[in-house]
Amino acid sequence: MSEILHTILEISMLVLAVGIILAFVRALQGPRFTDRIVAINMIGTMTTAIICILSAYLGETSLVDVALVYTLLSFLAVVIICHVVTLHHKGRELHLKEKQEKEAENS
């Protein structure tokens, strides 16, 4: 590969690494669960892109398989997190509804 292409790949990996850091900050700050989930999904996507760029940079085709597995695991993790948050939210609503019914009976 030419030196120019190596430089472009290095710069693109650096830009994606900065993007991962910014997404990580967003995941920590929030303020909502949806912001955190989207940030986690972005981190997974950018990590996959870095692995694919690294595969081209090093000339290792096996890293593409690693990127595919990482993408599937990242997607599964985001789906599970969304499911847990949804169940937590539904349980919270049910608890508040039961509490309001008890207060209505006591009044």
PDB file of N, CA and C in Angstrom:
ATOM      1  N   MET A   1       0.837  -1.185   0.000  1.00  0.00           N
ATOM      2  CA  MET A   1       0.000   0.000   0.000  1.00  0.00           C
ATOM      3  C   MET A   1       0.878   1.244   0.000  1.00  0.00           C
ATOM      4  N   SER A   2       0.327   2.279  -0.560  1.00  0.00           N
ATOM      5  CA  SER A   2       1.113   3.508  -0.633  1.00  0.00           C
ATOM      6  C   SER A   2       1.138   4.217   0.713  1.00  0.00           C
ATOM      7  N   GLU A   3       2.098   5.083   0.846  1.00  0.00           N
ATOM      8  CA  GLU A   3       2.259   5.841   2.098  1.00  0.00           C
ATOM      9  C   GLU A   3       1.080   6.783   2.321  1.00  0.00           C
ATOM     10  N   ILE A   4       0.522   7.324   1.235  1.00  0.00           N
ATOM     11  CA  ILE A   4      -0.625   8.244   1.359  1.00  0.00           C
ATOM     12  C   ILE A   4      -1.837   7.508   1.912  1.00  0.00           C
ATOM     13  N   LEU A   5      -2.076   6.292   1.417  1.00  0.00           N
ATOM     14  CA  LEU A   5      -3.210   5.505   1.903  1.00  0.00           C
ATOM     15  C   LEU A   5      -3.032   5.135   3.366  1.00  0.00           C
ATOM     16  N   HIS A   6      -1.812   4.792   3.773  1.00  0.00           N
ATOM     17  CA  HIS A   6      -1.539   4.497   5.183  1.00  0.00           C
ATOM     18  C   HIS A   6      -1.839   5.724   6.047  1.00  0.00           C
ATOM     19  N   THR A   7      -1.448   6.893   5.587  1.00  0.00           N
ATOM     20  CA  THR A   7      -1.697   8.120   6.347  1.00  0.00           C
ATOM     21  C   THR A   7      -3.192   8.399   6.456  1.00  0.00           C
ATOM     22  N   ILE A   8      -3.922   8.203   5.366  1.00  0.00           N
ATOM     23  CA  ILE A   8      -5.374   8.423   5.388  1.00  0.00           C
ATOM     24  C   ILE A   8      -6.045   7.452   6.352  1.00  0.00           C
ATOM     25  N   LEU A   9      -5.639   6.191   6.341  1.00  0.00           N
ATOM     26  CA  LEU A   9      -6.219   5.205   7.260  1.00  0.00           C
ATOM     27  C   LEU A   9      -5.889   5.540   8.713  1.00  0.00           C
ATOM     28  N   GLU A  10      -4.671   5.986   8.971  1.00  0.00           N
ATOM     29  CA  GLU A  10      -4.293   6.367  10.336  1.00  0.00           C
ATOM     30  C   GLU A  10      -5.116   7.561  10.820  1.00  0.00           C
ATOM     31  N   ILE A  11      -5.296   8.548   9.952  1.00  0.00           N
ATOM     32  CA  ILE A  11      -6.082   9.727  10.327  1.00  0.00           C
ATOM     33  C   ILE A  11      -7.539   9.346  10.572  1.00  0.00           C
ATOM     34  N   SER A  12      -8.079   8.465   9.736  1.00  0.00           N
ATOM     35  CA  SER A  12      -9.473   8.067   9.923  1.00  0.00           C
ATOM     36  C   SER A  12      -9.654   7.280  11.220  1.00  0.00           C
ATOM     37  N   MET A  13      -8.685   6.445  11.576  1.00  0.00           N
ATOM     38  CA  MET A  13      -8.772   5.732  12.854  1.00  0.00           C
ATOM     39  C   MET A  13      -8.681   6.706  14.029  1.00  0.00           C
ATOM     40  N   LEU A  14      -7.858   7.727  13.894  1.00  0.00           N
ATOM     41  CA  LEU A  14      -7.737   8.738  14.944  1.00  0.00           C
ATOM     42  C   LEU A  14      -9.049   9.511  15.108  1.00  0.00           C
ATOM     43  N   VAL A  15      -9.670   9.879  13.989  1.00  0.00           N
ATOM     44  CA  VAL A  15     -10.946  10.600  14.047  1.00  0.00           C
ATOM     45  C   VAL A  15     -12.023   9.730  14.700  1.00  0.00           C
ATOM     46  N   LEU A  16     -12.054   8.452  14.345  1.00  0.00           N
ATOM     47  CA  LEU A  16     -13.030   7.551  14.960  1.00  0.00           C
ATOM     48  C   LEU A  16     -12.751   7.359  16.452  1.00  0.00           C
ATOM     49  N   ALA A  17     -11.479   7.327  16.842  1.00  0.00           N
ATOM     50  CA  ALA A  17     -11.146   7.203  18.261  1.00  0.00           C
ATOM     51  C   ALA A  17     -11.623   8.420  19.041  1.00  0.00           C
ATOM     52  N   VAL A  18     -11.479   9.604  18.462  1.00  0.00           N
ATOM     53  CA  VAL A  18     -11.993  10.819  19.108  1.00  0.00           C
ATOM     54  C   VAL A  18     -13.516  10.748  19.203  1.00  0.00           C
ATOM     55  N   GLY A  19     -14.153  10.244  18.153  1.00  0.00           N
ATOM     56  CA  GLY A  19     -15.608  10.074  18.185  1.00  0.00           C
ATOM     57  C   GLY A  19     -16.047   9.106  19.271  1.00  0.00           C
ATOM     58  N   ILE A  20     -15.282   8.049  19.481  1.00  0.00           N
ATOM     59  CA  ILE A  20     -15.600   7.092  20.547  1.00  0.00           C
ATOM     60  C   ILE A  20     -15.495   7.766  21.908  1.00  0.00           C
ATOM     61  N   ILE A  21     -14.475   8.573  22.093  1.00  0.00           N
ATOM     62  CA  ILE A  21     -14.319   9.280  23.369  1.00  0.00           C
ATOM     63  C   ILE A  21     -15.486  10.225  23.602  1.00  0.00           C
ATOM     64  N   LEU A  22     -15.896  10.961  22.568  1.00  0.00           N
ATOM     65  CA  LEU A  22     -17.034  11.874  22.713  1.00  0.00           C
ATOM     66  C   LEU A  22     -18.331  11.118  22.988  1.00  0.00           C
ATOM     67  N   ALA A  23     -18.523   9.981  22.324  1.00  0.00           N
ATOM     68  CA  ALA A  23     -19.720   9.171  22.578  1.00  0.00           C
ATOM     69  C   ALA A  23     -19.696   8.601  23.991  1.00  0.00           C
ATOM     70  N   PHE A  24     -18.505   8.254  24.474  1.00  0.00           N
ATOM     71  CA  PHE A  24     -18.390   7.746  25.843  1.00  0.00           C
ATOM     72  C   PHE A  24     -18.767   8.826  26.858  1.00  0.00           C
ATOM     73  N   VAL A  25     -18.354  10.058  26.586  1.00  0.00           N
ATOM     74  CA  VAL A  25     -18.739  11.173  27.462  1.00  0.00           C
ATOM     75  C   VAL A  25     -20.249  11.338  27.468  1.00  0.00           C
ATOM     76  N   ARG A  26     -20.872  11.234  26.275  1.00  0.00           N
ATOM     77  CA  ARG A  26     -22.329  11.347  26.190  1.00  0.00           C
ATOM     78  C   ARG A  26     -23.012  10.203  26.939  1.00  0.00           C
ATOM     79  N   ALA A  27     -22.427   9.006  26.867  1.00  0.00           N
ATOM     80  CA  ALA A  27     -22.998   7.858  27.570  1.00  0.00           C
ATOM     81  C   ALA A  27     -22.930   8.068  29.084  1.00  0.00           C
ATOM     82  N   LEU A  28     -21.886   8.717  29.557  1.00  0.00           N
ATOM     83  CA  LEU A  28     -21.772   8.970  30.997  1.00  0.00           C
ATOM     84  C   LEU A  28     -22.682  10.104  31.449  1.00  0.00           C
ATOM     85  N   GLN A  29     -22.783  11.162  30.650  1.00  0.00           N
ATOM     86  CA  GLN A  29     -23.562  12.329  31.052  1.00  0.00           C
ATOM     87  C   GLN A  29     -25.063  12.129  30.894  1.00  0.00           C
ATOM     88  N   GLY A  30     -25.475  11.423  29.889  1.00  0.00           N
ATOM     89  CA  GLY A  30     -26.913  11.230  29.678  1.00  0.00           C
ATOM     90  C   GLY A  30     -27.525  12.382  28.929  1.00  0.00           C
ATOM     91  N   PRO A  31     -28.544  13.011  29.369  1.00  0.00           N
ATOM     92  CA  PRO A  31     -29.236  12.899  30.647  1.00  0.00           C
ATOM     93  C   PRO A  31     -30.310  11.806  30.681  1.00  0.00           C
ATOM     94  N   ARG A  32     -30.716  11.290  29.514  1.00  0.00           N
ATOM     95  CA  ARG A  32     -31.769  10.265  29.501  1.00  0.00           C
ATOM     96  C   ARG A  32     -31.154   8.919  29.126  1.00  0.00           C
ATOM     97  N   PHE A  33     -31.961   7.861  29.369  1.00  0.00           N
ATOM     98  CA  PHE A  33     -31.521   6.519  29.000  1.00  0.00           C
ATOM     99  C   PHE A  33     -31.340   6.393  27.491  1.00  0.00           C
ATOM    100  N   THR A  34     -32.206   7.064  26.734  1.00  0.00           N
ATOM    101  CA  THR A  34     -32.102   6.965  25.279  1.00  0.00           C
ATOM    102  C   THR A  34     -30.782   7.549  24.779  1.00  0.00           C
ATOM    103  N   ASP A  35     -30.333   8.644  25.397  1.00  0.00           N
ATOM    104  CA  ASP A  35     -29.036   9.210  25.020  1.00  0.00           C
ATOM    105  C   ASP A  35     -27.913   8.219  25.283  1.00  0.00           C
ATOM    106  N   ARG A  36     -27.995   7.551  26.392  1.00  0.00           N
ATOM    107  CA  ARG A  36     -26.962   6.578  26.748  1.00  0.00           C
ATOM    108  C   ARG A  36     -26.966   5.387  25.801  1.00  0.00           C
ATOM    109  N   ILE A  37     -28.153   4.909  25.462  1.00  0.00           N
ATOM    110  CA  ILE A  37     -28.254   3.753  24.571  1.00  0.00           C
ATOM    111  C   ILE A  37     -27.734   4.097  23.183  1.00  0.00           C
ATOM    112  N   VAL A  38     -28.096   5.258  22.670  1.00  0.00           N
ATOM    113  CA  VAL A  38     -27.609   5.680  21.355  1.00  0.00           C
ATOM    114  C   VAL A  38     -26.088   5.843  21.388  1.00  0.00           C
ATOM    115  N   ALA A  39     -25.555   6.387  22.467  1.00  0.00           N
ATOM    116  CA  ALA A  39     -24.101   6.553  22.581  1.00  0.00           C
ATOM    117  C   ALA A  39     -23.396   5.202  22.604  1.00  0.00           C
ATOM    118  N   ILE A  40     -23.961   4.236  23.307  1.00  0.00           N
ATOM    119  CA  ILE A  40     -23.365   2.899  23.349  1.00  0.00           C
ATOM    120  C   ILE A  40     -23.401   2.264  21.961  1.00  0.00           C
ATOM    121  N   ASN A  41     -24.504   2.463  21.253  1.00  0.00           N
ATOM    122  CA  ASN A  41     -24.610   1.937  19.891  1.00  0.00           C
ATOM    123  C   ASN A  41     -23.588   2.604  18.969  1.00  0.00           C
ATOM    124  N   MET A  42     -23.391   3.903  19.132  1.00  0.00           N
ATOM    125  CA  MET A  42     -22.392   4.617  18.322  1.00  0.00           C
ATOM    126  C   MET A  42     -20.983   4.113  18.610  1.00  0.00           C
ATOM    127  N   ILE A  43     -20.689   3.840  19.866  1.00  0.00           N
ATOM    128  CA  ILE A  43     -19.368   3.317  20.223  1.00  0.00           C
ATOM    129  C   ILE A  43     -19.136   1.976  19.536  1.00  0.00           C
ATOM    130  N   GLY A  44     -20.142   1.118  19.553  1.00  0.00           N
ATOM    131  CA  GLY A  44     -20.012  -0.176  18.882  1.00  0.00           C
ATOM    132  C   GLY A  44     -19.811  -0.045  17.388  1.00  0.00           C
ATOM    133  N   THR A  45     -20.542   0.876  16.771  1.00  0.00           N
ATOM    134  CA  THR A  45     -20.421   1.078  15.331  1.00  0.00           C
ATOM    135  C   THR A  45     -19.044   1.628  14.962  1.00  0.00           C
ATOM    136  N   MET A  46     -18.570   2.610  15.722  1.00  0.00           N
ATOM    137  CA  MET A  46     -17.259   3.191  15.413  1.00  0.00           C
ATOM    138  C   MET A  46     -16.131   2.199  15.687  1.00  0.00           C
ATOM    139  N   THR A  47     -16.290   1.358  16.696  1.00  0.00           N
ATOM    140  CA  THR A  47     -15.285   0.334  16.967  1.00  0.00           C
ATOM    141  C   THR A  47     -15.220  -0.665  15.816  1.00  0.00           C
ATOM    142  N   THR A  48     -16.381  -1.028  15.285  1.00  0.00           N
ATOM    143  CA  THR A  48     -16.414  -1.919  14.129  1.00  0.00           C
ATOM    144  C   THR A  48     -15.711  -1.281  12.939  1.00  0.00           C
ATOM    145  N   ALA A  49     -15.945   0.013  12.727  1.00  0.00           N
ATOM    146  CA  ALA A  49     -15.284   0.712  11.622  1.00  0.00           C
ATOM    147  C   ALA A  49     -13.767   0.726  11.810  1.00  0.00           C
ATOM    148  N   ILE A  50     -13.318   0.934  13.041  1.00  0.00           N
ATOM    149  CA  ILE A  50     -11.874   0.931  13.313  1.00  0.00           C
ATOM    150  C   ILE A  50     -11.277  -0.452  13.037  1.00  0.00           C
ATOM    151  N   ILE A  51     -11.988  -1.504  13.426  1.00  0.00           N
ATOM    152  CA  ILE A  51     -11.482  -2.854  13.176  1.00  0.00           C
ATOM    153  C   ILE A  51     -11.386  -3.119  11.670  1.00  0.00           C
ATOM    154  N   CYS A  52     -12.379  -2.660  10.906  1.00  0.00           N
ATOM    155  CA  CYS A  52     -12.344  -2.850   9.449  1.00  0.00           C
ATOM    156  C   CYS A  52     -11.209  -2.042   8.815  1.00  0.00           C
ATOM    157  N   ILE A  53     -11.017  -0.818   9.270  1.00  0.00           N
ATOM    158  CA  ILE A  53      -9.904  -0.012   8.751  1.00  0.00           C
ATOM    159  C   ILE A  53      -8.571  -0.648   9.118  1.00  0.00           C
ATOM    160  N   LEU A  54      -8.469  -1.159  10.324  1.00  0.00           N
ATOM    161  CA  LEU A  54      -7.250  -1.843  10.752  1.00  0.00           C
ATOM    162  C   LEU A  54      -6.991  -3.084   9.899  1.00  0.00           C
ATOM    163  N   SER A  55      -8.070  -3.759   9.497  1.00  0.00           N
ATOM    164  CA  SER A  55      -7.928  -4.912   8.621  1.00  0.00           C
ATOM    165  C   SER A  55      -7.314  -4.516   7.285  1.00  0.00           C
ATOM    166  N   ALA A  56      -7.771  -3.404   6.729  1.00  0.00           N
ATOM    167  CA  ALA A  56      -7.195  -2.926   5.466  1.00  0.00           C
ATOM    168  C   ALA A  56      -5.775  -2.431   5.671  1.00  0.00           C
ATOM    169  N   TYR A  57      -5.523  -1.775   6.792  1.00  0.00           N
ATOM    170  CA  TYR A  57      -4.203  -1.221   7.085  1.00  0.00           C
ATOM    171  C   TYR A  57      -3.152  -2.326   7.215  1.00  0.00           C
ATOM    172  N   LEU A  58      -3.517  -3.387   7.921  1.00  0.00           N
ATOM    173  CA  LEU A  58      -2.574  -4.481   8.161  1.00  0.00           C
ATOM    174  C   LEU A  58      -2.614  -5.547   7.074  1.00  0.00           C
ATOM    175  N   GLY A  59      -3.669  -5.529   6.254  1.00  0.00           N
ATOM    176  CA  GLY A  59      -3.807  -6.551   5.222  1.00  0.00           C
ATOM    177  C   GLY A  59      -4.248  -7.891   5.772  1.00  0.00           C
ATOM    178  N   GLU A  60      -4.890  -7.883   6.913  1.00  0.00           N
ATOM    179  CA  GLU A  60      -5.373  -9.107   7.558  1.00  0.00           C
ATOM    180  C   GLU A  60      -6.868  -9.243   7.310  1.00  0.00           C
ATOM    181  N   THR A  61      -7.268 -10.198   6.509  1.00  0.00           N
ATOM    182  CA  THR A  61      -8.695 -10.378   6.210  1.00  0.00           C
ATOM    183  C   THR A  61      -9.450 -11.017   7.372  1.00  0.00           C
ATOM    184  N   SER A  62      -8.739 -11.662   8.268  1.00  0.00           N
ATOM    185  CA  SER A  62      -9.415 -12.304   9.405  1.00  0.00           C
ATOM    186  C   SER A  62     -10.019 -11.275  10.358  1.00  0.00           C
ATOM    187  N   LEU A  63      -9.517 -10.060  10.338  1.00  0.00           N
ATOM    188  CA  LEU A  63     -10.083  -9.024  11.209  1.00  0.00           C
ATOM    189  C   LEU A  63     -11.493  -8.628  10.790  1.00  0.00           C
ATOM    190  N   VAL A  64     -11.851  -8.867   9.548  1.00  0.00           N
ATOM    191  CA  VAL A  64     -13.213  -8.597   9.101  1.00  0.00           C
ATOM    192  C   VAL A  64     -14.181  -9.542   9.809  1.00  0.00           C
ATOM    193  N   ASP A  65     -13.781 -10.792  10.005  1.00  0.00           N
ATOM    194  CA  ASP A  65     -14.604 -11.730  10.755  1.00  0.00           C
ATOM    195  C   ASP A  65     -14.766 -11.272  12.201  1.00  0.00           C
ATOM    196  N   VAL A  66     -13.698 -10.778  12.774  1.00  0.00           N
ATOM    197  CA  VAL A  66     -13.757 -10.240  14.138  1.00  0.00           C
ATOM    198  C   VAL A  66     -14.722  -9.065  14.195  1.00  0.00           C
ATOM    199  N   ALA A  67     -14.691  -8.201  13.189  1.00  0.00           N
ATOM    200  CA  ALA A  67     -15.591  -7.054  13.140  1.00  0.00           C
ATOM    201  C   ALA A  67     -17.046  -7.499  13.040  1.00  0.00           C
ATOM    202  N   LEU A  68     -17.321  -8.529  12.255  1.00  0.00           N
ATOM    203  CA  LEU A  68     -18.692  -9.041  12.143  1.00  0.00           C
ATOM    204  C   LEU A  68     -19.203  -9.596  13.472  1.00  0.00           C
ATOM    205  N   VAL A  69     -18.366 -10.366  14.142  1.00  0.00           N
ATOM    206  CA  VAL A  69     -18.762 -10.918  15.441  1.00  0.00           C
ATOM    207  C   VAL A  69     -18.970  -9.796  16.451  1.00  0.00           C
ATOM    208  N   TYR A  70     -18.078  -8.813  16.441  1.00  0.00           N
ATOM    209  CA  TYR A  70     -18.211  -7.677  17.357  1.00  0.00           C
ATOM    210  C   TYR A  70     -19.501  -6.908  17.084  1.00  0.00           C
ATOM    211  N   THR A  71     -19.842  -6.735  15.809  1.00  0.00           N
ATOM    212  CA  THR A  71     -21.073  -6.031  15.457  1.00  0.00           C
ATOM    213  C   THR A  71     -22.295  -6.777  15.966  1.00  0.00           C
ATOM    214  N   LEU A  72     -22.312  -8.082  15.795  1.00  0.00           N
ATOM    215  CA  LEU A  72     -23.450  -8.869  16.282  1.00  0.00           C
ATOM    216  C   LEU A  72     -23.576  -8.797  17.798  1.00  0.00           C
ATOM    217  N   LEU A  73     -22.453  -8.887  18.499  1.00  0.00           N
ATOM    218  CA  LEU A  73     -22.490  -8.797  19.957  1.00  0.00           C
ATOM    219  C   LEU A  73     -22.917  -7.406  20.426  1.00  0.00           C
ATOM    220  N   SER A  74     -22.456  -6.386  19.730  1.00  0.00           N
ATOM    221  CA  SER A  74     -22.836  -5.019  20.079  1.00  0.00           C
ATOM    222  C   SER A  74     -24.330  -4.804  19.869  1.00  0.00           C
ATOM    223  N   PHE A  75     -24.852  -5.294  18.753  1.00  0.00           N
ATOM    224  CA  PHE A  75     -26.279  -5.176  18.483  1.00  0.00           C
ATOM    225  C   PHE A  75     -27.088  -5.912  19.544  1.00  0.00           C
ATOM    226  N   LEU A  76     -26.670  -7.120  19.884  1.00  0.00           N
ATOM    227  CA  LEU A  76     -27.380  -7.897  20.893  1.00  0.00           C
ATOM    228  C   LEU A  76     -27.347  -7.188  22.244  1.00  0.00           C
ATOM    229  N   ALA A  77     -26.229  -6.590  22.591  1.00  0.00           N
ATOM    230  CA  ALA A  77     -26.124  -5.865  23.863  1.00  0.00           C
ATOM    231  C   ALA A  77     -27.082  -4.676  23.894  1.00  0.00           C
ATOM    232  N   VAL A  78     -27.181  -3.933  22.799  1.00  0.00           N
ATOM    233  CA  VAL A  78     -28.086  -2.778  22.752  1.00  0.00           C
ATOM    234  C   VAL A  78     -29.535  -3.236  22.851  1.00  0.00           C
ATOM    235  N   VAL A  79     -29.885  -4.326  22.181  1.00  0.00           N
ATOM    236  CA  VAL A  79     -31.253  -4.844  22.261  1.00  0.00           C
ATOM    237  C   VAL A  79     -31.578  -5.273  23.684  1.00  0.00           C
ATOM    238  N   ILE A  80     -30.662  -5.943  24.348  1.00  0.00           N
ATOM    239  CA  ILE A  80     -30.900  -6.389  25.726  1.00  0.00           C
ATOM    240  C   ILE A  80     -31.024  -5.195  26.664  1.00  0.00           C
ATOM    241  N   ILE A  81     -30.189  -4.200  26.495  1.00  0.00           N
ATOM    242  CA  ILE A  81     -30.274  -3.003  27.336  1.00  0.00           C
ATOM    243  C   ILE A  81     -31.622  -2.309  27.133  1.00  0.00           C
ATOM    244  N   CYS A  82     -32.056  -2.194  25.896  1.00  0.00           N
ATOM    245  CA  CYS A  82     -33.370  -1.583  25.616  1.00  0.00           C
ATOM    246  C   CYS A  82     -34.491  -2.385  26.266  1.00  0.00           C
ATOM    247  N   HIS A  83     -34.398  -3.703  26.199  1.00  0.00           N
ATOM    248  CA  HIS A  83     -35.426  -4.556  26.801  1.00  0.00           C
ATOM    249  C   HIS A  83     -35.455  -4.395  28.318  1.00  0.00           C
ATOM    250  N   VAL A  84     -34.294  -4.361  28.942  1.00  0.00           N
ATOM    251  CA  VAL A  84     -34.235  -4.201  30.403  1.00  0.00           C
ATOM    252  C   VAL A  84     -34.790  -2.845  30.824  1.00  0.00           C
ATOM    253  N   VAL A  85     -34.439  -1.792  30.094  1.00  0.00           N
ATOM    254  CA  VAL A  85     -34.944  -0.455  30.423  1.00  0.00           C
ATOM    255  C   VAL A  85     -36.450  -0.405  30.237  1.00  0.00           C
ATOM    256  N   THR A  86     -36.958  -1.032  29.187  1.00  0.00           N
ATOM    257  CA  THR A  86     -38.402  -1.054  28.956  1.00  0.00           C
ATOM    258  C   THR A  86     -39.120  -1.807  30.062  1.00  0.00           C
ATOM    259  N   LEU A  87     -38.594  -2.958  30.463  1.00  0.00           N
ATOM    260  CA  LEU A  87     -39.217  -3.706  31.556  1.00  0.00           C
ATOM    261  C   LEU A  87     -39.180  -2.917  32.859  1.00  0.00           C
ATOM    262  N   HIS A  88     -38.079  -2.236  33.120  1.00  0.00           N
ATOM    263  CA  HIS A  88     -37.964  -1.425  34.328  1.00  0.00           C
ATOM    264  C   HIS A  88     -39.000  -0.309  34.312  1.00  0.00           C
ATOM    265  N   HIS A  89     -39.161   0.327  33.161  1.00  0.00           N
ATOM    266  CA  HIS A  89     -40.120   1.426  33.047  1.00  0.00           C
ATOM    267  C   HIS A  89     -41.550   0.919  33.217  1.00  0.00           C
ATOM    268  N   LYS A  90     -41.878  -0.223  32.619  1.00  0.00           N
ATOM    269  CA  LYS A  90     -43.225  -0.790  32.755  1.00  0.00           C
ATOM    270  C   LYS A  90     -43.496  -1.197  34.202  1.00  0.00           C
ATOM    271  N   GLY A  91     -42.499  -1.779  34.865  1.00  0.00           N
ATOM    272  CA  GLY A  91     -42.672  -2.164  36.269  1.00  0.00           C
ATOM    273  C   GLY A  91     -42.874  -0.952  37.155  1.00  0.00           C
ATOM    274  N   ARG A  92     -42.195   0.131  36.832  1.00  0.00           N
ATOM    275  CA  ARG A  92     -42.341   1.366  37.592  1.00  0.00           C
ATOM    276  C   ARG A  92     -43.744   1.937  37.426  1.00  0.00           C
ATOM    277  N   GLU A  93     -44.253   1.915  36.187  1.00  0.00           N
ATOM    278  CA  GLU A  93     -45.612   2.402  35.939  1.00  0.00           C
ATOM    279  C   GLU A  93     -46.636   1.548  36.665  1.00  0.00           C
ATOM    280  N   LEU A  94     -46.444   0.237  36.660  1.00  0.00           N
ATOM    281  CA  LEU A  94     -47.359  -0.664  37.353  1.00  0.00           C
ATOM    282  C   LEU A  94     -47.342  -0.400  38.848  1.00  0.00           C
ATOM    283  N   HIS A  95     -46.161  -0.179  39.405  1.00  0.00           N
ATOM    284  CA  HIS A  95     -46.040   0.108  40.836  1.00  0.00           C
ATOM    285  C   HIS A  95     -46.747   1.416  41.189  1.00  0.00           C
ATOM    286  N   LEU A  96     -46.594   2.444  40.374  1.00  0.00           N
ATOM    287  CA  LEU A  96     -47.260   3.721  40.627  1.00  0.00           C
ATOM    288  C   LEU A  96     -48.780   3.588  40.508  1.00  0.00           C
ATOM    289  N   LYS A  97     -49.233   2.797  39.552  1.00  0.00           N
ATOM    290  CA  LYS A  97     -50.673   2.581  39.375  1.00  0.00           C
ATOM    291  C   LYS A  97     -51.259   1.879  40.592  1.00  0.00           C
ATOM    292  N   GLU A  98     -50.568   0.848  41.092  1.00  0.00           N
ATOM    293  CA  GLU A  98     -51.034   0.136  42.291  1.00  0.00           C
ATOM    294  C   GLU A  98     -51.046   1.066  43.500  1.00  0.00           C
ATOM    295  N   LYS A  99     -50.047   1.914  43.606  1.00  0.00           N
ATOM    296  CA  LYS A  99     -49.972   2.852  44.721  1.00  0.00           C
ATOM    297  C   LYS A  99     -51.129   3.845  44.664  1.00  0.00           C
ATOM    298  N   GLN A 100     -51.467   4.322  43.473  1.00  0.00           N
ATOM    299  CA  GLN A 100     -52.586   5.253  43.327  1.00  0.00           C
ATOM    300  C   GLN A 100     -53.904   4.568  43.653  1.00  0.00           C
ATOM    301  N   GLU A 101     -54.076   3.307  43.285  1.00  0.00           N
ATOM    302  CA  GLU A 101     -55.298   2.572  43.592  1.00  0.00           C
ATOM    303  C   GLU A 101     -55.441   2.379  45.097  1.00  0.00           C
ATOM    304  N   LYS A 102     -54.351   2.086  45.798  1.00  0.00           N
ATOM    305  CA  LYS A 102     -54.409   1.925  47.261  1.00  0.00           C
ATOM    306  C   LYS A 102     -54.753   3.234  47.936  1.00  0.00           C
ATOM    307  N   GLU A 103     -54.177   4.336  47.426  1.00  0.00           N
ATOM    308  CA  GLU A 103     -54.491   5.644  47.997  1.00  0.00           C
ATOM    309  C   GLU A 103     -55.948   6.014  47.742  1.00  0.00           C
ATOM    310  N   ALA A 104     -56.487   5.628  46.601  1.00  0.00           N
ATOM    311  CA  ALA A 104     -57.896   5.906  46.288  1.00  0.00           C
ATOM    312  C   ALA A 104     -58.807   5.097  47.184  1.00  0.00           C
ATOM    313  N   GLU A 105     -58.424   3.846  47.505  1.00  0.00           N
ATOM    314  CA  GLU A 105     -59.227   3.005  48.397  1.00  0.00           C
ATOM    315  C   GLU A 105     -59.201   3.539  49.813  1.00  0.00           C
ATOM    316  N   ASN A 106     -58.080   4.069  50.267  1.00  0.00           N
ATOM    317  CA  ASN A 106     -57.924   4.567  51.625  1.00  0.00           C
ATOM    318  C   ASN A 106     -58.622   5.920  51.812  1.00  0.00           C
ATOM    319  N   SER A 107     -58.874   6.648  50.736  1.00  0.00           N
ATOM    320  CA  SER A 107     -59.479   7.972  50.850  1.00  0.00           C
ATOM    321  C   SER A 107     -60.960   7.923  51.072  1.00  0.00           C
TER     322      SER A 107
END
